[in-house]
Amino acid sequence: MKPILVITGETFSYGIGMFVRSFLPGYPVLYAETMGKALEYIFKTKVELVVMNVYAYSEDDHFMIKFLRRAQPEVRILIFSHNDDETIEEQYLNAGVNCFLSKKMTTDEYQLAIDNLMNNETRETEGEHTTINKIKHE
């Protein structure tokens, strides 16, 4: 299986990497502490999923998504944010992320969203994106 790349900027990102590994045990998890290291991985190694925090390094991180997409157009990209601001969400969705989730979600909600993302499922979305504001509990 292709690895999952977690771009870390804070402790929360490491926790998400461990959480993802706990219910997707077949996927190796790579950690990149800088955007430069993340790009090294992306240009050298095919990855299944990229997980990163909004503004992990700067307010212009949404531009990084375009570089990730250029290097691996098929990669799934999952963004976490403590901010539920729809403007920020829209910037990242427009930049090409697949899933935008709030840190305020429960672990069950995280797992549902990540399962859906890994199985190429979407919920009542705009385009091909899944966001916390649009996930429905069925």
N, C-alpha and C. Protein backbone atom coordinates (compact mmCIF):
# COMPACT_ATOMS: atom_id res chain seq x y z
N MET A 1 0.83 -1.19 0.00
CA MET A 1 0.00 0.00 0.00
C MET A 1 0.87 1.24 0.00
N LYS A 2 0.36 2.29 -0.65
CA LYS A 2 1.09 3.55 -0.65
C LYS A 2 0.95 4.21 0.73
N PRO A 3 1.99 4.93 1.15
CA PRO A 3 1.95 5.53 2.49
C PRO A 3 1.01 6.74 2.58
N ILE A 4 0.73 7.11 3.81
CA ILE A 4 0.02 8.33 4.14
C ILE A 4 1.07 9.32 4.62
N LEU A 5 1.03 10.53 4.09
CA LEU A 5 1.98 11.58 4.47
C LEU A 5 1.29 12.58 5.37
N VAL A 6 1.83 12.75 6.58
CA VAL A 6 1.30 13.73 7.52
C VAL A 6 2.29 14.88 7.58
N ILE A 7 1.83 16.05 7.19
CA ILE A 7 2.67 17.25 7.25
C ILE A 7 2.42 17.87 8.61
N THR A 8 3.43 17.84 9.44
CA THR A 8 3.25 18.25 10.84
C THR A 8 3.69 19.68 11.05
N GLY A 9 2.93 20.38 11.81
CA GLY A 9 3.30 21.73 12.21
C GLY A 9 3.03 21.89 13.69
N GLU A 10 2.43 20.86 14.26
CA GLU A 10 2.05 20.93 15.67
C GLU A 10 1.78 19.52 16.18
N THR A 11 1.63 19.39 17.46
CA THR A 11 1.38 18.10 18.10
C THR A 11 0.11 17.45 17.57
N PHE A 12 -0.92 18.25 17.29
CA PHE A 12 -2.19 17.71 16.81
C PHE A 12 -1.98 16.86 15.56
N SER A 13 -1.12 17.30 14.66
CA SER A 13 -0.87 16.57 13.42
C SER A 13 -0.27 15.20 13.69
N TYR A 14 0.63 15.11 14.67
CA TYR A 14 1.18 13.80 15.03
C TYR A 14 0.08 12.89 15.55
N GLY A 15 -0.81 13.47 16.36
CA GLY A 15 -1.94 12.70 16.88
C GLY A 15 -2.83 12.18 15.77
N ILE A 16 -3.07 13.00 14.78
CA ILE A 16 -3.90 12.57 13.65
C ILE A 16 -3.21 11.43 12.92
N GLY A 17 -1.90 11.52 12.74
CA GLY A 17 -1.16 10.43 12.10
C GLY A 17 -1.32 9.12 12.86
N MET A 18 -1.23 9.18 14.18
CA MET A 18 -1.41 7.97 14.99
C MET A 18 -2.85 7.47 14.92
N PHE A 19 -3.80 8.39 14.90
CA PHE A 19 -5.21 8.03 14.81
C PHE A 19 -5.50 7.33 13.48
N VAL A 20 -5.02 7.90 12.39
CA VAL A 20 -5.22 7.31 11.06
C VAL A 20 -4.60 5.91 11.02
N ARG A 21 -3.39 5.79 11.55
CA ARG A 21 -2.72 4.49 11.57
C ARG A 21 -3.51 3.46 12.37
N SER A 22 -4.22 3.89 13.41
CA SER A 22 -4.95 2.95 14.26
C SER A 22 -6.10 2.27 13.54
N PHE A 23 -6.74 2.94 12.58
CA PHE A 23 -7.83 2.27 11.88
C PHE A 23 -7.54 2.04 10.41
N LEU A 24 -6.37 2.39 9.96
CA LEU A 24 -5.89 2.03 8.62
C LEU A 24 -4.50 1.40 8.78
N PRO A 25 -4.44 0.26 9.49
CA PRO A 25 -3.14 -0.30 9.87
C PRO A 25 -2.26 -0.75 8.70
N GLY A 26 -2.81 -0.98 7.55
CA GLY A 26 -2.00 -1.43 6.42
C GLY A 26 -1.20 -0.33 5.75
N TYR A 27 -1.48 0.90 6.09
CA TYR A 27 -0.81 2.03 5.44
C TYR A 27 0.35 2.53 6.29
N PRO A 28 1.55 2.56 5.74
CA PRO A 28 2.65 3.20 6.48
C PRO A 28 2.39 4.70 6.58
N VAL A 29 2.83 5.32 7.64
CA VAL A 29 2.65 6.76 7.83
C VAL A 29 4.01 7.43 7.83
N LEU A 30 4.15 8.43 6.96
CA LEU A 30 5.36 9.24 6.88
C LEU A 30 5.06 10.59 7.50
N TYR A 31 6.04 11.17 8.19
CA TYR A 31 5.86 12.50 8.77
C TYR A 31 6.86 13.45 8.14
N ALA A 32 6.38 14.61 7.73
CA ALA A 32 7.25 15.66 7.20
C ALA A 32 7.09 16.87 8.09
N GLU A 33 8.20 17.33 8.66
CA GLU A 33 8.12 18.45 9.59
C GLU A 33 8.19 19.80 8.89
N THR A 34 8.50 19.81 7.62
CA THR A 34 8.54 21.05 6.86
C THR A 34 7.86 20.83 5.52
N MET A 35 7.45 21.89 4.89
CA MET A 35 6.86 21.78 3.56
C MET A 35 7.91 21.29 2.55
N GLY A 36 9.15 21.69 2.76
CA GLY A 36 10.22 21.22 1.88
C GLY A 36 10.36 19.71 1.94
N LYS A 37 10.33 19.15 3.14
CA LYS A 37 10.41 17.70 3.31
C LYS A 37 9.18 17.03 2.70
N ALA A 38 8.02 17.64 2.87
CA ALA A 38 6.79 17.09 2.28
C ALA A 38 6.92 17.02 0.76
N LEU A 39 7.47 18.06 0.16
CA LEU A 39 7.65 18.05 -1.29
C LEU A 39 8.66 17.00 -1.73
N GLU A 40 9.70 16.80 -0.92
CA GLU A 40 10.66 15.72 -1.24
C GLU A 40 9.93 14.39 -1.31
N TYR A 41 9.12 14.10 -0.31
CA TYR A 41 8.35 12.85 -0.31
C TYR A 41 7.44 12.77 -1.53
N ILE A 42 6.73 13.85 -1.79
CA ILE A 42 5.75 13.86 -2.87
C ILE A 42 6.42 13.64 -4.23
N PHE A 43 7.59 14.20 -4.43
CA PHE A 43 8.27 14.05 -5.72
C PHE A 43 8.99 12.71 -5.86
N LYS A 44 9.25 12.02 -4.74
CA LYS A 44 9.98 10.75 -4.79
C LYS A 44 9.11 9.53 -4.54
N THR A 45 8.02 9.69 -3.79
CA THR A 45 7.23 8.55 -3.33
C THR A 45 5.75 8.79 -3.62
N LYS A 46 5.12 7.84 -4.25
CA LYS A 46 3.67 7.92 -4.44
C LYS A 46 3.00 7.73 -3.09
N VAL A 47 2.12 8.64 -2.72
CA VAL A 47 1.40 8.53 -1.46
C VAL A 47 -0.10 8.43 -1.72
N GLU A 48 -0.78 7.80 -0.80
CA GLU A 48 -2.23 7.60 -0.90
C GLU A 48 -2.99 8.83 -0.42
N LEU A 49 -2.49 9.43 0.67
CA LEU A 49 -3.21 10.50 1.35
C LEU A 49 -2.20 11.46 1.96
N VAL A 50 -2.50 12.77 1.84
CA VAL A 50 -1.73 13.80 2.52
C VAL A 50 -2.65 14.42 3.57
N VAL A 51 -2.15 14.49 4.80
CA VAL A 51 -2.91 15.09 5.90
C VAL A 51 -2.12 16.29 6.40
N MET A 52 -2.78 17.43 6.49
CA MET A 52 -2.10 18.61 7.03
C MET A 52 -3.07 19.52 7.75
N ASN A 53 -2.52 20.36 8.57
CA ASN A 53 -3.28 21.33 9.34
C ASN A 53 -3.32 22.65 8.57
N VAL A 54 -4.44 23.34 8.64
CA VAL A 54 -4.54 24.67 8.04
C VAL A 54 -3.51 25.57 8.71
N TYR A 55 -2.81 26.34 7.91
CA TYR A 55 -1.83 27.30 8.40
C TYR A 55 -0.76 26.64 9.25
N ALA A 56 -0.37 25.44 8.88
CA ALA A 56 0.69 24.77 9.63
C ALA A 56 1.97 25.61 9.61
N TYR A 57 2.21 26.28 8.53
CA TYR A 57 3.44 27.07 8.39
C TYR A 57 3.20 28.53 8.06
N SER A 58 2.18 28.80 7.28
CA SER A 58 1.89 30.19 6.92
C SER A 58 0.45 30.30 6.47
N GLU A 59 -0.02 31.52 6.37
CA GLU A 59 -1.39 31.74 5.93
C GLU A 59 -1.56 31.44 4.44
N ASP A 60 -0.49 31.19 3.73
CA ASP A 60 -0.56 30.88 2.31
C ASP A 60 -0.43 29.40 2.02
N ASP A 61 -0.62 28.55 3.03
CA ASP A 61 -0.48 27.11 2.83
C ASP A 61 -1.40 26.57 1.74
N HIS A 62 -2.55 27.23 1.52
CA HIS A 62 -3.45 26.70 0.49
C HIS A 62 -2.79 26.70 -0.88
N PHE A 63 -1.77 27.52 -1.07
CA PHE A 63 -1.03 27.49 -2.33
C PHE A 63 -0.19 26.22 -2.44
N MET A 64 0.20 25.66 -1.29
CA MET A 64 0.97 24.41 -1.28
C MET A 64 0.17 23.28 -1.91
N ILE A 65 -1.14 23.33 -1.77
CA ILE A 65 -2.00 22.29 -2.33
C ILE A 65 -1.78 22.18 -3.84
N LYS A 66 -1.60 23.30 -4.49
CA LYS A 66 -1.38 23.29 -5.94
C LYS A 66 -0.09 22.55 -6.31
N PHE A 67 0.95 22.70 -5.48
CA PHE A 67 2.20 21.98 -5.73
C PHE A 67 2.00 20.48 -5.51
N LEU A 68 1.28 20.13 -4.45
CA LEU A 68 1.00 18.72 -4.19
C LEU A 68 0.22 18.11 -5.34
N ARG A 69 -0.78 18.83 -5.83
CA ARG A 69 -1.60 18.34 -6.94
C ARG A 69 -0.80 18.21 -8.23
N ARG A 70 0.11 19.15 -8.46
CA ARG A 70 0.92 19.10 -9.67
C ARG A 70 1.82 17.86 -9.65
N ALA A 71 2.37 17.55 -8.49
CA ALA A 71 3.28 16.41 -8.37
C ALA A 71 2.53 15.08 -8.42
N GLN A 72 1.36 15.01 -7.78
CA GLN A 72 0.57 13.78 -7.72
C GLN A 72 -0.91 14.14 -7.84
N PRO A 73 -1.40 14.28 -9.05
CA PRO A 73 -2.79 14.72 -9.25
C PRO A 73 -3.83 13.83 -8.58
N GLU A 74 -3.52 12.55 -8.42
CA GLU A 74 -4.51 11.61 -7.87
C GLU A 74 -4.49 11.51 -6.34
N VAL A 75 -3.54 12.13 -5.68
CA VAL A 75 -3.43 12.00 -4.22
C VAL A 75 -4.64 12.63 -3.53
N ARG A 76 -5.08 11.99 -2.46
CA ARG A 76 -6.16 12.55 -1.64
C ARG A 76 -5.53 13.50 -0.63
N ILE A 77 -6.17 14.64 -0.42
CA ILE A 77 -5.64 15.63 0.52
C ILE A 77 -6.71 15.96 1.55
N LEU A 78 -6.33 15.82 2.80
CA LEU A 78 -7.22 16.05 3.93
C LEU A 78 -6.66 17.19 4.78
N ILE A 79 -7.48 18.19 5.03
CA ILE A 79 -7.08 19.35 5.81
C ILE A 79 -7.87 19.38 7.11
N PHE A 80 -7.17 19.67 8.22
CA PHE A 80 -7.80 19.87 9.51
C PHE A 80 -7.69 21.33 9.88
N SER A 81 -8.73 21.84 10.53
CA SER A 81 -8.69 23.23 10.97
C SER A 81 -9.40 23.39 12.31
N HIS A 82 -8.87 24.26 13.15
CA HIS A 82 -9.57 24.62 14.38
C HIS A 82 -10.62 25.68 14.09
N ASN A 83 -10.54 26.24 12.90
CA ASN A 83 -11.41 27.34 12.49
C ASN A 83 -12.46 26.82 11.52
N ASP A 84 -13.72 27.03 11.83
CA ASP A 84 -14.80 26.60 10.94
C ASP A 84 -15.19 27.69 9.94
N ASP A 85 -14.34 28.67 9.75
CA ASP A 85 -14.61 29.76 8.84
C ASP A 85 -14.80 29.23 7.42
N GLU A 86 -15.94 29.47 6.84
CA GLU A 86 -16.23 28.96 5.50
C GLU A 86 -15.34 29.58 4.43
N THR A 87 -14.81 30.79 4.69
CA THR A 87 -13.90 31.42 3.73
C THR A 87 -12.60 30.61 3.62
N ILE A 88 -12.07 30.19 4.77
CA ILE A 88 -10.85 29.38 4.78
C ILE A 88 -11.13 28.04 4.11
N GLU A 89 -12.24 27.44 4.48
CA GLU A 89 -12.64 26.17 3.88
C GLU A 89 -12.72 26.30 2.36
N GLU A 90 -13.35 27.35 1.90
CA GLU A 90 -13.52 27.56 0.46
C GLU A 90 -12.17 27.72 -0.24
N GLN A 91 -11.23 28.44 0.38
CA GLN A 91 -9.90 28.63 -0.21
C GLN A 91 -9.23 27.27 -0.45
N TYR A 92 -9.28 26.41 0.56
CA TYR A 92 -8.64 25.11 0.43
C TYR A 92 -9.37 24.20 -0.54
N LEU A 93 -10.69 24.23 -0.53
CA LEU A 93 -11.44 23.42 -1.49
C LEU A 93 -11.16 23.89 -2.91
N ASN A 94 -11.10 25.19 -3.11
CA ASN A 94 -10.78 25.73 -4.44
C ASN A 94 -9.35 25.39 -4.85
N ALA A 95 -8.47 25.27 -3.87
CA ALA A 95 -7.08 24.90 -4.17
C ALA A 95 -6.94 23.43 -4.52
N GLY A 96 -7.95 22.61 -4.17
CA GLY A 96 -7.91 21.21 -4.59
C GLY A 96 -7.91 20.16 -3.51
N VAL A 97 -8.20 20.52 -2.24
CA VAL A 97 -8.26 19.48 -1.22
C VAL A 97 -9.52 18.64 -1.40
N ASN A 98 -9.47 17.41 -0.91
CA ASN A 98 -10.62 16.52 -1.00
C ASN A 98 -11.53 16.60 0.22
N CYS A 99 -10.95 16.93 1.37
CA CYS A 99 -11.72 16.88 2.61
C CYS A 99 -11.20 17.94 3.57
N PHE A 100 -12.10 18.72 4.14
CA PHE A 100 -11.76 19.78 5.09
C PHE A 100 -12.52 19.50 6.37
N LEU A 101 -11.80 19.22 7.47
CA LEU A 101 -12.44 18.82 8.71
C LEU A 101 -12.07 19.75 9.86
N SER A 102 -13.00 19.91 10.78
CA SER A 102 -12.79 20.74 11.96
C SER A 102 -12.18 19.91 13.08
N LYS A 103 -11.27 20.52 13.84
CA LYS A 103 -10.69 19.86 15.00
C LYS A 103 -11.72 19.66 16.10
N LYS A 104 -12.87 20.28 15.96
CA LYS A 104 -13.93 20.18 16.96
C LYS A 104 -14.76 18.92 16.80
N MET A 105 -14.50 18.15 15.76
CA MET A 105 -15.27 16.94 15.50
C MET A 105 -14.92 15.85 16.51
N THR A 106 -15.82 14.88 16.62
CA THR A 106 -15.54 13.71 17.47
C THR A 106 -14.67 12.73 16.69
N THR A 107 -14.07 11.79 17.41
CA THR A 107 -13.26 10.78 16.72
C THR A 107 -14.11 9.94 15.78
N ASP A 108 -15.37 9.68 16.14
CA ASP A 108 -16.26 8.93 15.23
C ASP A 108 -16.49 9.71 13.94
N GLU A 109 -16.64 11.02 14.04
CA GLU A 109 -16.83 11.85 12.85
C GLU A 109 -15.57 11.85 11.99
N TYR A 110 -14.40 11.94 12.65
CA TYR A 110 -13.14 11.86 11.90
C TYR A 110 -13.05 10.54 11.15
N GLN A 111 -13.33 9.46 11.85
CA GLN A 111 -13.19 8.15 11.23
C GLN A 111 -14.16 8.00 10.06
N LEU A 112 -15.38 8.45 10.21
CA LEU A 112 -16.36 8.39 9.12
C LEU A 112 -15.85 9.17 7.91
N ALA A 113 -15.38 10.38 8.14
CA ALA A 113 -14.91 11.22 7.03
C ALA A 113 -13.69 10.61 6.35
N ILE A 114 -12.74 10.10 7.14
CA ILE A 114 -11.53 9.51 6.56
C ILE A 114 -11.86 8.21 5.83
N ASP A 115 -12.74 7.40 6.40
CA ASP A 115 -13.19 6.19 5.71
C ASP A 115 -13.82 6.55 4.37
N ASN A 116 -14.69 7.54 4.38
CA ASN A 116 -15.34 7.96 3.14
C ASN A 116 -14.32 8.45 2.12
N LEU A 117 -13.36 9.22 2.59
CA LEU A 117 -12.33 9.74 1.70
C LEU A 117 -11.50 8.60 1.10
N MET A 118 -11.10 7.66 1.93
CA MET A 118 -10.27 6.55 1.45
C MET A 118 -11.04 5.61 0.53
N ASN A 119 -12.37 5.60 0.65
CA ASN A 119 -13.20 4.77 -0.22
C ASN A 119 -13.81 5.57 -1.36
N ASN A 120 -13.28 6.78 -1.59
CA ASN A 120 -13.74 7.65 -2.67
C ASN A 120 -15.22 7.98 -2.59
N GLU A 121 -15.75 8.06 -1.38
CA GLU A 121 -17.15 8.42 -1.20
C GLU A 121 -17.23 9.89 -0.82
N THR A 122 -18.32 10.52 -1.18
CA THR A 122 -18.56 11.90 -0.77
C THR A 122 -19.98 12.00 -0.21
N ARG A 123 -20.24 13.04 0.53
CA ARG A 123 -21.55 13.27 1.13
C ARG A 123 -22.04 14.66 0.73
N GLU A 124 -23.18 14.74 0.09
CA GLU A 124 -23.82 16.03 -0.17
C GLU A 124 -22.78 17.13 -0.30
N THR A 125 -22.00 17.08 -1.35
CA THR A 125 -20.87 17.99 -1.45
C THR A 125 -20.98 18.91 -2.63
N GLU A 126 -20.10 19.88 -2.64
CA GLU A 126 -19.94 20.74 -3.80
C GLU A 126 -18.78 20.14 -4.58
N GLY A 127 -19.00 19.76 -5.79
CA GLY A 127 -17.95 19.12 -6.58
C GLY A 127 -17.63 17.77 -6.00
N GLU A 128 -16.35 17.49 -5.84
CA GLU A 128 -15.92 16.19 -5.34
C GLU A 128 -15.37 16.28 -3.92
N HIS A 129 -15.74 17.31 -3.19
CA HIS A 129 -15.15 17.55 -1.88
C HIS A 129 -16.10 17.18 -0.75
N THR A 130 -15.55 16.73 0.34
CA THR A 130 -16.30 16.46 1.56
C THR A 130 -15.83 17.45 2.61
N THR A 131 -16.75 18.11 3.26
CA THR A 131 -16.37 19.06 4.30
C THR A 131 -17.19 18.82 5.55
N ILE A 132 -16.70 19.29 6.66
CA ILE A 132 -17.41 19.10 7.93
C ILE A 132 -18.79 19.74 7.86
N ASN A 133 -18.93 20.81 7.15
CA ASN A 133 -20.22 21.49 7.09
C ASN A 133 -21.24 20.73 6.25
N LYS A 134 -20.78 19.74 5.50
CA LYS A 134 -21.69 19.05 4.60
C LYS A 134 -21.84 17.56 4.89
N ILE A 135 -21.09 17.04 5.88
CA ILE A 135 -21.22 15.63 6.23
C ILE A 135 -22.54 15.43 6.95
N LYS A 136 -23.29 14.43 6.53
CA LYS A 136 -24.55 14.12 7.19
C LYS A 136 -24.39 12.81 7.94
N HIS A 137 -25.01 12.75 9.07
CA HIS A 137 -25.01 11.51 9.85
C HIS A 137 -26.25 10.73 9.47
N GLU A 138 -26.03 9.57 8.88
CA GLU A 138 -27.16 8.78 8.39
C GLU A 138 -27.46 7.65 9.33
